[in-house]
Amino acid sequence: MKLSYRLRLLIVLISLGVLTGGGLLLKHLLLPDSFGVYGPYRANAIAEAALVPIRHGTNASCFKCHAYEAGIHKTGRHQTISCEFCHGTYMDHVENGRKIGTLPVKREKQITTLCLRCHNTEIKARSELVIKTVAMPNHLADQNVKLTHNCNQCHHVHAPLKYIIRAKQMTRWTEAGR
């Protein structure tokens, strides 16, 4: 039995109407009421995000108690790096102005591993002026030190050039005399 052109058209239109109506009904049932109030996202997400406890502090938060490190950090090349990048989350250490835990301090090879997160030739997209990259172990060989040395044996971790500058001043070392 062959369906007439008009009957087929009617079936297609009814099917489209059912699909469209079903889609609109699903959209109404599944989208939260606050969706679209401030644009194409859920407006209630703002209030919910405000309820999430703050986990991170600023360097100023750390400097309140760690004045010695602050003095070094503020004058060093790492002054723009967050303390939390190396030491962990502020809220794991302080709550309501009181110390609640001890953040991990890196030791030995952990320091080198941490330093190489930024100071490595693997990241070639950065300018040398932004972050000096070093090739390990070539950097150690170039400086005539043992390949087993850790970064903090020559560099202060909070101000990496502090020891280098002091050594140059003490020995009157210059690039030309090297």
Protein backbone atom coordinates (compact mmCIF):
# COMPACT_ATOMS: atom_id res chain seq x y z
CA MET A 1 0.00 0.00 0.00
CA LYS A 2 1.43 3.29 -1.13
CA LEU A 3 1.04 6.37 1.07
CA SER A 4 0.05 9.53 -0.65
CA TYR A 5 2.38 12.50 -0.75
CA ARG A 6 0.13 14.47 1.63
CA LEU A 7 -0.07 11.64 4.14
CA ARG A 8 3.74 11.25 4.18
CA LEU A 9 4.15 15.00 4.66
CA LEU A 10 1.64 14.92 7.51
CA ILE A 11 3.55 12.05 9.20
CA VAL A 12 6.86 13.95 8.87
CA LEU A 13 5.34 17.14 10.30
CA ILE A 14 3.73 15.29 13.21
CA SER A 15 7.05 13.51 13.91
CA LEU A 16 8.92 16.83 13.88
CA GLY A 17 6.32 18.34 16.20
CA VAL A 18 6.61 15.43 18.63
CA LEU A 19 10.42 15.59 18.57
CA THR A 20 10.44 19.36 19.01
CA GLY A 21 7.87 19.25 21.79
CA GLY A 22 9.71 16.39 23.50
CA GLY A 23 12.99 18.27 23.23
CA LEU A 24 11.48 21.43 24.69
CA LEU A 25 9.87 19.43 27.49
CA LEU A 26 13.20 17.73 28.28
CA LYS A 27 14.97 21.09 28.21
CA HIS A 28 12.39 22.51 30.64
CA LEU A 29 12.69 19.51 32.95
CA LEU A 30 16.50 19.22 32.89
CA LEU A 31 17.74 22.82 32.90
CA PRO A 32 17.91 24.52 36.30
CA ASP A 33 15.70 27.56 36.84
CA SER A 34 18.70 29.87 37.15
CA PHE A 35 20.18 28.86 33.78
CA GLY A 36 20.40 31.86 31.46
CA VAL A 37 19.75 34.56 34.08
CA TYR A 38 23.24 36.07 33.62
CA GLY A 39 24.13 34.49 30.30
CA PRO A 40 24.64 30.95 29.09
CA TYR A 41 25.42 29.36 32.45
CA ARG A 42 23.77 28.59 35.78
CA ALA A 43 23.42 31.74 37.90
CA ASN A 44 23.23 29.75 41.15
CA ALA A 45 26.79 28.60 40.48
CA ILE A 46 28.03 32.00 41.72
CA ALA A 47 26.41 31.59 45.14
CA GLU A 48 27.57 27.97 45.36
CA ALA A 49 31.16 28.94 44.50
CA ALA A 50 31.09 31.58 47.25
CA LEU A 51 30.36 28.81 49.78
CA VAL A 52 33.44 26.78 48.85
CA PRO A 53 36.12 27.29 51.52
CA ILE A 54 39.17 29.24 50.39
CA ARG A 55 42.16 26.89 50.10
CA HIS A 56 44.83 29.28 48.87
CA GLY A 57 46.36 32.35 50.42
CA THR A 58 48.61 35.02 49.00
CA ASN A 59 52.30 35.50 49.62
CA ALA A 60 51.29 38.25 52.03
CA SER A 61 49.47 35.60 54.07
CA CYS A 62 52.73 33.66 54.42
CA PHE A 63 54.89 36.72 55.04
CA LYS A 64 52.94 37.61 58.21
CA CYS A 65 54.69 34.79 60.07
CA HIS A 66 57.73 34.14 57.87
CA ALA A 67 59.41 37.55 57.89
CA TYR A 68 62.94 36.27 57.25
CA GLU A 69 61.88 34.33 54.14
CA ALA A 70 59.74 37.30 53.05
CA GLY A 71 62.75 39.61 53.05
CA ILE A 72 64.70 37.25 50.85
CA HIS A 73 61.77 36.33 48.61
CA LYS A 74 60.75 39.95 47.94
CA THR A 75 64.22 40.84 46.64
CA GLY A 76 64.89 37.66 44.67
CA ARG A 77 64.05 36.47 41.21
CA HIS A 78 61.25 34.31 42.63
CA GLN A 79 59.32 37.30 44.03
CA THR A 80 56.41 36.70 41.64
CA ILE A 81 56.14 32.99 42.46
CA SER A 82 53.50 31.97 44.97
CA CYS A 83 54.80 30.35 48.16
CA GLU A 84 52.14 27.68 47.64
CA PHE A 85 53.67 26.64 44.34
CA CYS A 86 56.55 25.04 46.23
CA HIS A 87 55.23 24.55 49.74
CA GLY A 88 51.60 23.53 49.34
CA THR A 89 48.20 24.95 50.19
CA TYR A 90 47.93 27.70 52.81
CA MET A 91 44.82 26.17 54.36
CA ASP A 92 46.73 22.96 55.11
CA HIS A 93 48.99 25.12 57.31
CA VAL A 94 46.81 27.88 58.83
CA GLU A 95 43.17 28.09 59.86
CA ASN A 96 41.58 31.08 61.60
CA GLY A 97 45.02 32.62 62.05
CA ARG A 98 46.45 29.59 63.87
CA LYS A 99 48.93 27.00 62.66
CA ILE A 100 47.19 23.65 62.14
CA GLY A 101 49.80 21.75 60.16
CA THR A 102 53.33 21.76 58.82
CA LEU A 103 53.86 22.14 55.11
CA PRO A 104 56.46 19.88 53.52
CA VAL A 105 59.95 21.26 53.03
CA LYS A 106 61.81 19.79 50.08
CA ARG A 107 65.15 18.14 50.72
CA GLU A 108 68.06 16.96 48.56
CA LYS A 109 66.97 15.71 45.11
CA GLN A 110 63.38 16.84 45.78
CA ILE A 111 64.66 20.42 45.50
CA THR A 112 66.17 19.78 42.09
CA THR A 113 62.98 18.05 40.93
CA LEU A 114 60.96 21.04 42.12
CA CYS A 115 63.29 23.56 40.46
CA LEU A 116 63.17 21.70 37.16
CA ARG A 117 59.39 22.12 37.02
CA CYS A 118 60.14 25.60 35.64
CA HIS A 119 63.87 25.67 34.96
CA ASN A 120 64.21 23.02 32.30
CA THR A 121 64.97 23.07 28.59
CA GLU A 122 61.86 20.97 27.97
CA ILE A 123 59.79 24.17 27.99
CA LYS A 124 61.07 25.92 24.90
CA ALA A 125 58.22 28.41 24.38
CA ARG A 126 59.52 30.86 26.99
CA SER A 127 62.01 33.60 26.48
CA GLU A 128 65.29 33.23 28.38
CA LEU A 129 64.56 36.68 29.83
CA VAL A 130 61.39 35.39 31.49
CA ILE A 131 62.60 32.14 33.02
CA LYS A 132 66.17 30.99 32.61
CA THR A 133 66.17 27.41 31.50
CA VAL A 134 68.97 25.01 32.31
CA ALA A 135 69.85 21.68 30.79
CA MET A 136 70.57 19.12 33.44
CA PRO A 137 73.16 17.65 33.84
CA ASN A 138 74.90 19.96 31.32
CA HIS A 139 74.44 22.95 33.66
CA LEU A 140 76.37 21.17 36.40
CA ALA A 141 79.15 20.14 34.02
CA ASP A 142 79.38 23.71 32.67
CA GLN A 143 79.84 25.00 36.23
CA ASN A 144 82.49 22.35 36.99
CA VAL A 145 80.52 20.83 39.87
CA LYS A 146 79.68 17.21 40.61
CA LEU A 147 76.68 15.79 38.79
CA THR A 148 75.27 14.78 42.18
CA HIS A 149 74.88 18.42 43.34
CA ASN A 150 71.42 19.74 44.15
CA CYS A 151 70.26 23.20 43.07
CA ASN A 152 70.34 24.62 46.61
CA GLN A 153 74.03 23.83 47.00
CA CYS A 154 74.76 26.86 44.81
CA HIS A 155 71.43 28.72 44.72
CA HIS A 156 69.23 30.07 47.51
CA VAL A 157 65.78 28.63 46.82
CA HIS A 158 63.92 31.87 47.58
CA ALA A 159 66.39 34.16 45.79
CA PRO A 160 68.34 32.01 43.33
CA LEU A 161 71.04 34.54 42.48
CA LYS A 162 71.73 35.60 46.08
CA TYR A 163 74.64 33.21 46.63
CA ILE A 164 75.91 33.65 43.07
CA ILE A 165 76.01 37.45 43.39
CA ARG A 166 77.70 37.23 46.79
CA ALA A 167 80.31 34.81 45.45
CA LYS A 168 81.01 37.13 42.52
CA GLN A 169 81.41 40.08 44.89
CA MET A 170 83.73 38.15 47.21
CA THR A 171 85.94 36.85 44.43
CA ARG A 172 85.60 39.91 42.18
CA TRP A 173 84.56 37.42 39.54
CA THR A 174 83.50 38.77 36.14
CA GLU A 175 82.29 37.19 32.94
CA ALA A 176 85.45 38.36 31.18
CA GLY A 177 87.69 36.75 33.80
CA ARG A 178 85.97 33.41 33.63
